[in-house]
């Protein structure tokens, strides 16, 4: 059995006559038709069984769109908030989950209060956007615990560190220590508490887990360590021990007629800022899908980034998206 799982940041999915954040930011009827037509075509091209969505304001409009495309099951955990001063203006966004398989046991992800203390976060805390946790029942009686999240936005400043694949977990933690202790980067602190809470929830689940997300953080980031690595949370461990795998790293595409001097394939960015590409959108899967492990239940058979619209315009467009879409295919044993 194979299933295809994707993540899709819709970029201001707001049905007219509603606006996002300010009264003037809204689509007219023709613009909305252009945007939703592009989204439909993109979803058809992704050819997924399960999709996690970010930047969802108009959830009924999204549910209706997806129903047309064969996604019988659709869930959100909350609703986008309306401005008290203007009932036509949304002031917050949410995430959503669509599936061609039944969704059951929808739950909120609980806050890990020990993570707040660890990251020196004092006072009130809540997720910037509440994540979704749901169990999906596959046709052959298998179940997956599926998570969708959109973590706190990354505010570019000197304390939003960029790490490389060669830096160890301890080196990363040492670099961010002062920023956390002295509260230099509120968004980084928030994001790490969010990631840690999701990790704690996944660590308790009984089923194989899948996470579709806009992390608002880069490849090799400490946020990914907090989300996936048991050693980040348990300093008694002597080596890295990953609860989740970045699906990209566990699928190796075939290269036909490679050039003898060809270097390592460069990862395709999913978003651009000031002309620089970053990987912000991910599909993480349970380590049980690592085919090299003796107890594996399946393997990753495809990993694709849908970025044609960003190749034409790196900033994307309100009539499509400013993010690429990521799709991972899993094959069960």
Protein backbone atom coordinates (compact mmCIF):
# COMPACT_ATOMS: atom_id res chain seq x y z
CA UNK A 1 0.00 0.00 0.00
CA UNK A 2 1.22 3.49 -0.91
CA UNK A 3 -0.03 6.85 0.37
CA UNK A 4 0.98 10.37 -0.65
CA UNK A 5 1.20 13.08 2.00
CA UNK A 6 1.66 16.81 1.34
CA UNK A 7 1.97 20.18 3.02
CA UNK A 8 0.52 23.34 1.44
CA UNK A 9 0.79 26.93 2.70
CA UNK A 10 -2.14 28.58 0.90
CA UNK A 11 -0.98 32.22 1.42
CA UNK A 12 -3.97 34.23 2.65
CA UNK A 13 -6.85 31.88 1.87
CA UNK A 14 -9.60 34.45 2.46
CA UNK A 15 -12.88 34.27 0.57
CA UNK A 16 -14.38 37.64 -0.40
CA UNK A 17 -15.87 39.82 0.94
CA UNK A 18 -13.61 39.11 3.93
CA UNK A 19 -10.18 40.72 4.40
CA UNK A 20 -7.01 39.64 6.15
CA UNK A 21 -5.54 41.84 8.90
CA UNK A 22 -6.58 45.17 7.33
CA UNK A 23 -9.78 46.18 5.55
CA UNK A 24 -8.10 46.84 2.19
CA UNK A 25 -6.35 43.45 1.98
CA UNK A 26 -8.89 41.28 0.19
CA UNK A 27 -9.66 39.57 -3.11
CA UNK A 28 -12.36 40.55 -5.55
CA UNK A 29 -14.48 37.83 -7.18
CA UNK A 30 -12.27 37.47 -10.25
CA UNK A 31 -9.05 37.32 -8.20
CA UNK A 32 -10.56 34.72 -5.87
CA UNK A 33 -11.57 32.58 -8.86
CA UNK A 34 -8.00 32.81 -10.18
CA UNK A 35 -6.52 31.81 -6.82
CA UNK A 36 -8.87 28.89 -6.16
CA UNK A 37 -8.44 27.58 -9.72
CA UNK A 38 -4.67 27.55 -9.23
CA UNK A 39 -5.02 25.81 -5.86
CA UNK A 40 -7.27 23.12 -7.38
CA UNK A 41 -4.82 22.48 -10.21
CA UNK A 42 -1.92 22.35 -7.76
CA UNK A 43 -3.70 19.83 -5.54
CA UNK A 44 -4.48 17.66 -8.57
CA UNK A 45 -0.81 17.75 -9.57
CA UNK A 46 0.30 16.88 -6.02
CA UNK A 47 -1.96 13.80 -6.21
CA UNK A 48 -2.09 13.34 -2.44
CA UNK A 49 -4.19 11.22 -0.13
CA UNK A 50 -3.56 13.46 2.91
CA UNK A 51 -2.70 17.19 2.94
CA UNK A 52 -1.93 19.59 5.77
CA UNK A 53 -2.74 23.26 5.06
CA UNK A 54 -1.47 26.51 6.56
CA UNK A 55 -2.82 30.09 6.36
CA UNK A 56 -6.46 29.00 6.31
CA UNK A 57 -8.92 31.79 7.09
CA UNK A 58 -12.06 30.68 5.19
CA UNK A 59 -12.32 27.05 6.25
CA UNK A 60 -15.76 26.30 4.75
CA UNK A 61 -14.57 27.53 1.35
CA UNK A 62 -11.54 25.24 1.62
CA UNK A 63 -13.68 22.30 2.72
CA UNK A 64 -15.99 22.76 -0.30
CA UNK A 65 -13.03 23.09 -2.68
CA UNK A 66 -11.45 19.89 -1.37
CA UNK A 67 -14.70 17.97 -1.45
CA UNK A 68 -14.85 18.64 -5.21
CA UNK A 69 -11.42 17.00 -5.51
CA UNK A 70 -12.33 13.80 -3.66
CA UNK A 71 -11.22 14.68 -0.12
CA UNK A 72 -14.23 13.43 1.83
CA UNK A 73 -12.73 14.22 5.24
CA UNK A 74 -11.72 17.69 6.43
CA UNK A 75 -10.89 19.00 9.90
CA UNK A 76 -9.71 22.14 11.66
CA UNK A 77 -9.02 22.44 15.37
CA UNK A 78 -10.14 26.08 15.66
CA UNK A 79 -11.37 29.04 13.60
CA UNK A 80 -9.64 32.18 12.41
CA UNK A 81 -10.51 35.11 14.66
CA UNK A 82 -12.50 38.14 13.52
CA UNK A 83 -11.60 41.74 14.37
CA UNK A 84 -13.97 43.00 17.07
CA UNK A 85 -14.08 46.38 15.30
CA UNK A 86 -14.90 44.92 11.87
CA UNK A 87 -16.62 41.58 11.39
CA UNK A 88 -15.32 41.35 7.81
CA UNK A 89 -11.64 41.34 8.82
CA UNK A 90 -9.75 38.25 9.97
CA UNK A 91 -6.92 38.86 12.44
CA UNK A 92 -5.59 35.31 12.85
CA UNK A 93 -5.15 32.19 10.79
CA UNK A 94 -5.39 28.46 11.37
CA UNK A 95 -4.26 25.11 9.95
CA UNK A 96 -6.39 22.38 8.37
CA UNK A 97 -6.23 18.69 7.50
CA UNK A 98 -7.80 17.00 4.47
CA UNK A 99 -7.87 13.26 3.80
CA UNK A 100 -9.33 10.70 1.44
CA UNK A 101 -9.31 8.29 4.39
CA UNK A 102 -11.47 8.66 7.52
CA UNK A 103 -10.22 11.12 10.14
CA UNK A 104 -10.95 10.22 13.76
CA UNK A 105 -9.83 11.17 17.26
CA UNK A 106 -9.18 14.83 16.47
CA UNK A 107 -7.32 16.44 19.40
CA UNK A 108 -5.45 19.55 20.41
CA UNK A 109 -1.74 19.27 21.10
CA UNK A 110 -1.18 19.97 24.78
CA UNK A 111 1.47 22.42 25.95
CA UNK A 112 4.56 20.86 27.51
CA UNK A 113 5.03 23.11 30.53
CA UNK A 114 8.47 21.65 31.28
CA UNK A 115 9.55 23.04 27.89
CA UNK A 116 8.52 26.55 28.94
CA UNK A 117 10.83 26.38 31.95
CA UNK A 118 13.65 24.89 29.91
CA UNK A 119 13.48 27.75 27.40
CA UNK A 120 13.15 30.49 30.04
CA UNK A 121 9.62 31.43 28.97
CA UNK A 122 7.78 33.16 31.78
CA UNK A 123 4.11 34.12 31.87
CA UNK A 124 1.27 33.15 29.56
CA UNK A 125 1.95 30.88 26.59
CA UNK A 126 -0.12 29.56 23.71
CA UNK A 127 0.63 28.33 20.21
CA UNK A 128 0.81 31.03 17.55
CA UNK A 129 -1.44 28.73 15.50
CA UNK A 130 -2.98 25.72 17.26
CA UNK A 131 -1.62 22.48 15.72
CA UNK A 132 -3.84 19.59 14.65
CA UNK A 133 -3.46 16.03 15.87
CA UNK A 134 -5.69 13.42 14.25
CA UNK A 135 -5.75 9.68 13.74
CA UNK A 136 -6.36 8.58 10.16
CA UNK A 137 -7.67 5.08 9.49
CA UNK A 138 -6.16 3.61 6.33
CA UNK A 139 -8.01 1.07 4.22
CA UNK A 140 -5.97 -1.93 5.35
CA UNK A 141 -6.70 -1.33 9.05
CA UNK A 142 -3.45 0.57 9.58
CA UNK A 143 -3.64 3.87 11.48
CA UNK A 144 -1.47 6.98 11.35
CA UNK A 145 -1.32 9.83 13.84
CA UNK A 146 -1.14 12.90 11.65
CA UNK A 147 -0.04 16.36 12.81
CA UNK A 148 -0.28 19.70 11.02
CA UNK A 149 1.48 22.80 12.33
CA UNK A 150 2.53 26.34 11.42
CA UNK A 151 5.08 27.51 13.95
CA UNK A 152 5.76 31.05 15.12
CA UNK A 153 7.05 33.29 12.35
CA UNK A 154 10.79 33.72 12.05
CA UNK A 155 11.83 37.31 12.70
CA UNK A 156 15.14 37.88 10.97
CA UNK A 157 17.59 39.29 13.49
CA UNK A 158 21.06 38.48 14.73
CA UNK A 159 19.76 35.85 17.13
CA UNK A 160 17.89 33.85 14.47
CA UNK A 161 20.85 31.58 13.85
CA UNK A 162 21.61 29.76 10.62
CA UNK A 163 23.28 26.40 11.19
CA UNK A 164 25.02 23.95 8.88
CA UNK A 165 24.79 20.16 8.67
CA UNK A 166 28.24 19.89 10.29
CA UNK A 167 27.27 21.61 13.55
CA UNK A 168 26.39 19.29 16.41
CA UNK A 169 23.36 19.54 18.66
CA UNK A 170 25.55 20.70 21.56
CA UNK A 171 27.08 23.45 19.41
CA UNK A 172 23.63 24.65 18.39
CA UNK A 173 22.36 24.68 21.97
CA UNK A 174 25.42 26.57 23.16
CA UNK A 175 24.93 29.24 20.48
CA UNK A 176 21.31 29.92 21.37
CA UNK A 177 21.75 29.74 25.14
CA UNK A 178 22.35 33.45 25.70
CA UNK A 179 19.50 34.48 23.38
CA UNK A 180 17.09 32.32 25.39
CA UNK A 181 18.35 33.28 28.85
CA UNK A 182 18.36 37.01 28.12
CA UNK A 183 15.20 37.00 25.99
CA UNK A 184 16.89 38.39 22.89
CA UNK A 185 14.69 36.44 20.46
CA UNK A 186 11.09 36.08 21.56
CA UNK A 187 10.03 34.37 18.33
CA UNK A 188 12.81 31.75 18.58
CA UNK A 189 11.83 31.02 22.17
CA UNK A 190 8.15 30.69 21.21
CA UNK A 191 8.99 28.41 18.28
CA UNK A 192 11.14 26.11 20.43
CA UNK A 193 8.38 25.78 23.03
CA UNK A 194 5.89 24.96 20.26
CA UNK A 195 8.23 22.38 18.70
CA UNK A 196 8.98 20.82 22.09
CA UNK A 197 5.27 20.47 22.88
CA UNK A 198 4.62 18.75 19.55
CA UNK A 199 7.61 16.45 20.17
CA UNK A 200 6.25 15.50 23.60
CA UNK A 201 2.86 14.67 22.13
CA UNK A 202 4.31 12.56 19.32
CA UNK A 203 6.60 10.80 21.78
CA UNK A 204 3.51 9.55 23.66
CA UNK A 205 1.55 8.34 20.65
CA UNK A 206 1.07 4.64 19.95
CA UNK A 207 0.72 4.88 16.16
CA UNK A 208 3.34 5.82 13.55
CA UNK A 209 3.36 9.63 13.25
CA UNK A 210 3.46 12.01 10.29
CA UNK A 211 3.95 15.79 10.53
CA UNK A 212 3.21 18.26 7.73
CA UNK A 213 4.38 21.75 8.52
CA UNK A 214 5.54 25.24 7.78
CA UNK A 215 8.26 25.46 10.44
CA UNK A 216 9.18 29.07 9.79
CA UNK A 217 12.74 27.93 10.36
CA UNK A 218 15.55 26.71 8.15
CA UNK A 219 17.21 23.41 7.39
CA UNK A 220 19.54 22.23 10.21
CA UNK A 221 17.81 24.63 12.63
CA UNK A 222 17.63 24.04 16.35
CA UNK A 223 13.84 24.05 15.93
CA UNK A 224 14.14 20.80 13.95
CA UNK A 225 16.26 19.35 16.74
CA UNK A 226 13.56 20.24 19.28
CA UNK A 227 10.91 18.69 17.06
CA UNK A 228 12.69 15.44 16.19
CA UNK A 229 15.68 14.63 18.39
CA UNK A 230 15.25 12.90 21.76
CA UNK A 231 18.72 14.05 22.79
CA UNK A 232 17.58 17.68 22.63
CA UNK A 233 15.17 16.91 25.49
CA UNK A 234 17.20 14.32 27.40
CA UNK A 235 20.79 15.34 28.01
CA UNK A 236 21.62 11.94 29.52
CA UNK A 237 21.54 10.42 26.03
CA UNK A 238 25.03 10.00 24.60
CA UNK A 239 24.07 10.30 20.94
CA UNK A 240 21.33 11.68 18.72
CA UNK A 241 18.15 9.60 18.71
CA UNK A 242 15.52 10.77 16.24
CA UNK A 243 11.82 10.31 16.86
CA UNK A 244 10.98 11.75 13.43
CA UNK A 245 12.86 11.82 10.14
CA UNK A 246 12.98 14.62 7.60
CA UNK A 247 11.58 12.68 4.62
CA UNK A 248 13.91 14.49 2.23
CA UNK A 249 16.96 12.83 3.76
CA UNK A 250 15.57 9.31 3.37
CA UNK A 251 14.73 9.35 -0.32
CA UNK A 252 17.54 9.31 -2.87
CA UNK A 253 16.37 10.06 -6.41
CA UNK A 254 18.00 8.18 -9.27
CA UNK A 255 20.37 10.31 -11.32
CA UNK A 256 20.53 9.29 -14.95
CA UNK A 257 23.80 9.86 -16.85
CA UNK A 258 25.42 11.86 -14.04
CA UNK A 259 28.27 14.19 -14.91
CA UNK A 260 31.54 12.81 -13.51
CA UNK A 261 32.18 16.08 -11.63
CA UNK A 262 28.61 16.46 -10.40
CA UNK A 263 28.38 17.70 -6.85
CA UNK A 264 25.79 16.82 -4.25
CA UNK A 265 22.24 17.72 -5.28
CA UNK A 266 21.19 21.00 -3.70
CA UNK A 267 17.90 20.99 -1.83
CA UNK A 268 15.11 22.95 -3.50
CA UNK A 269 13.96 25.98 -1.46
CA UNK A 270 10.30 26.21 -0.51
CA UNK A 271 10.29 29.96 0.17
CA UNK A 272 12.37 33.04 -0.66
CA UNK A 273 13.23 36.16 1.33
CA UNK A 274 15.21 39.04 -0.14
CA UNK A 275 16.27 36.82 -3.03
CA UNK A 276 17.58 34.02 -0.84
CA UNK A 277 15.96 30.60 -0.89
CA UNK A 278 15.13 28.73 2.32
CA UNK A 279 13.56 25.40 3.19
CA UNK A 280 10.67 26.21 5.53
CA UNK A 281 8.13 23.52 4.57
CA UNK A 282 8.65 19.90 5.62
CA UNK A 283 7.14 16.45 5.83
CA UNK A 284 8.49 14.55 8.83
CA UNK A 285 7.73 10.86 9.26
CA UNK A 286 8.14 8.29 12.02
CA UNK A 287 11.53 6.59 12.19
CA UNK A 288 9.59 3.38 11.50
CA UNK A 289 9.75 4.41 7.82
CA UNK A 290 13.56 4.20 7.78
CA UNK A 291 14.06 1.16 5.53
CA UNK A 292 17.54 0.60 7.03
CA UNK A 293 16.07 -0.19 10.46
CA UNK A 294 15.26 -3.78 11.29
CA UNK A 295 11.77 -3.00 12.61
CA UNK A 296 10.71 -0.66 9.79
CA UNK A 297 7.06 -0.81 8.68
CA UNK A 298 7.59 0.87 5.32
CA UNK A 299 9.79 3.22 3.36
CA UNK A 300 9.84 6.62 1.65
CA UNK A 301 9.46 6.06 -2.09
CA UNK A 302 9.19 9.65 -3.33
CA UNK A 303 9.87 13.22 -2.24
CA UNK A 304 8.80 16.12 -4.47
CA UNK A 305 8.79 19.91 -4.26
CA UNK A 306 6.20 21.73 -6.40
CA UNK A 307 7.77 25.10 -7.09
CA UNK A 308 7.06 26.05 -10.72
CA UNK A 309 5.26 29.20 -9.58
CA UNK A 310 8.31 30.26 -7.53
CA UNK A 311 10.63 29.64 -10.48
CA UNK A 312 8.64 32.30 -12.34
CA UNK A 313 8.45 34.66 -9.36
CA UNK A 314 10.44 33.93 -6.20
CA UNK A 315 8.08 36.01 -4.08
CA UNK A 316 5.10 34.05 -5.29
CA UNK A 317 1.76 35.76 -5.77
CA UNK A 318 -1.39 36.26 -3.76
CA UNK A 319 -3.11 34.49 -6.65
CA UNK A 320 -1.10 31.32 -6.00
CA UNK A 321 1.29 30.98 -3.03
CA UNK A 322 4.60 32.30 -1.71
CA UNK A 323 5.58 28.76 -0.65
CA UNK A 324 6.33 25.62 -2.61
CA UNK A 325 4.35 22.49 -1.79
CA UNK A 326 6.10 19.37 -0.49
CA UNK A 327 4.86 15.82 -1.12
CA UNK A 328 6.18 12.57 0.33
CA UNK A 329 5.11 9.08 -0.75
CA UNK A 330 5.16 6.22 1.76
CA UNK A 331 4.98 2.53 0.94
CA UNK A 332 3.98 0.08 3.67
CA UNK A 333 5.58 -3.35 3.91
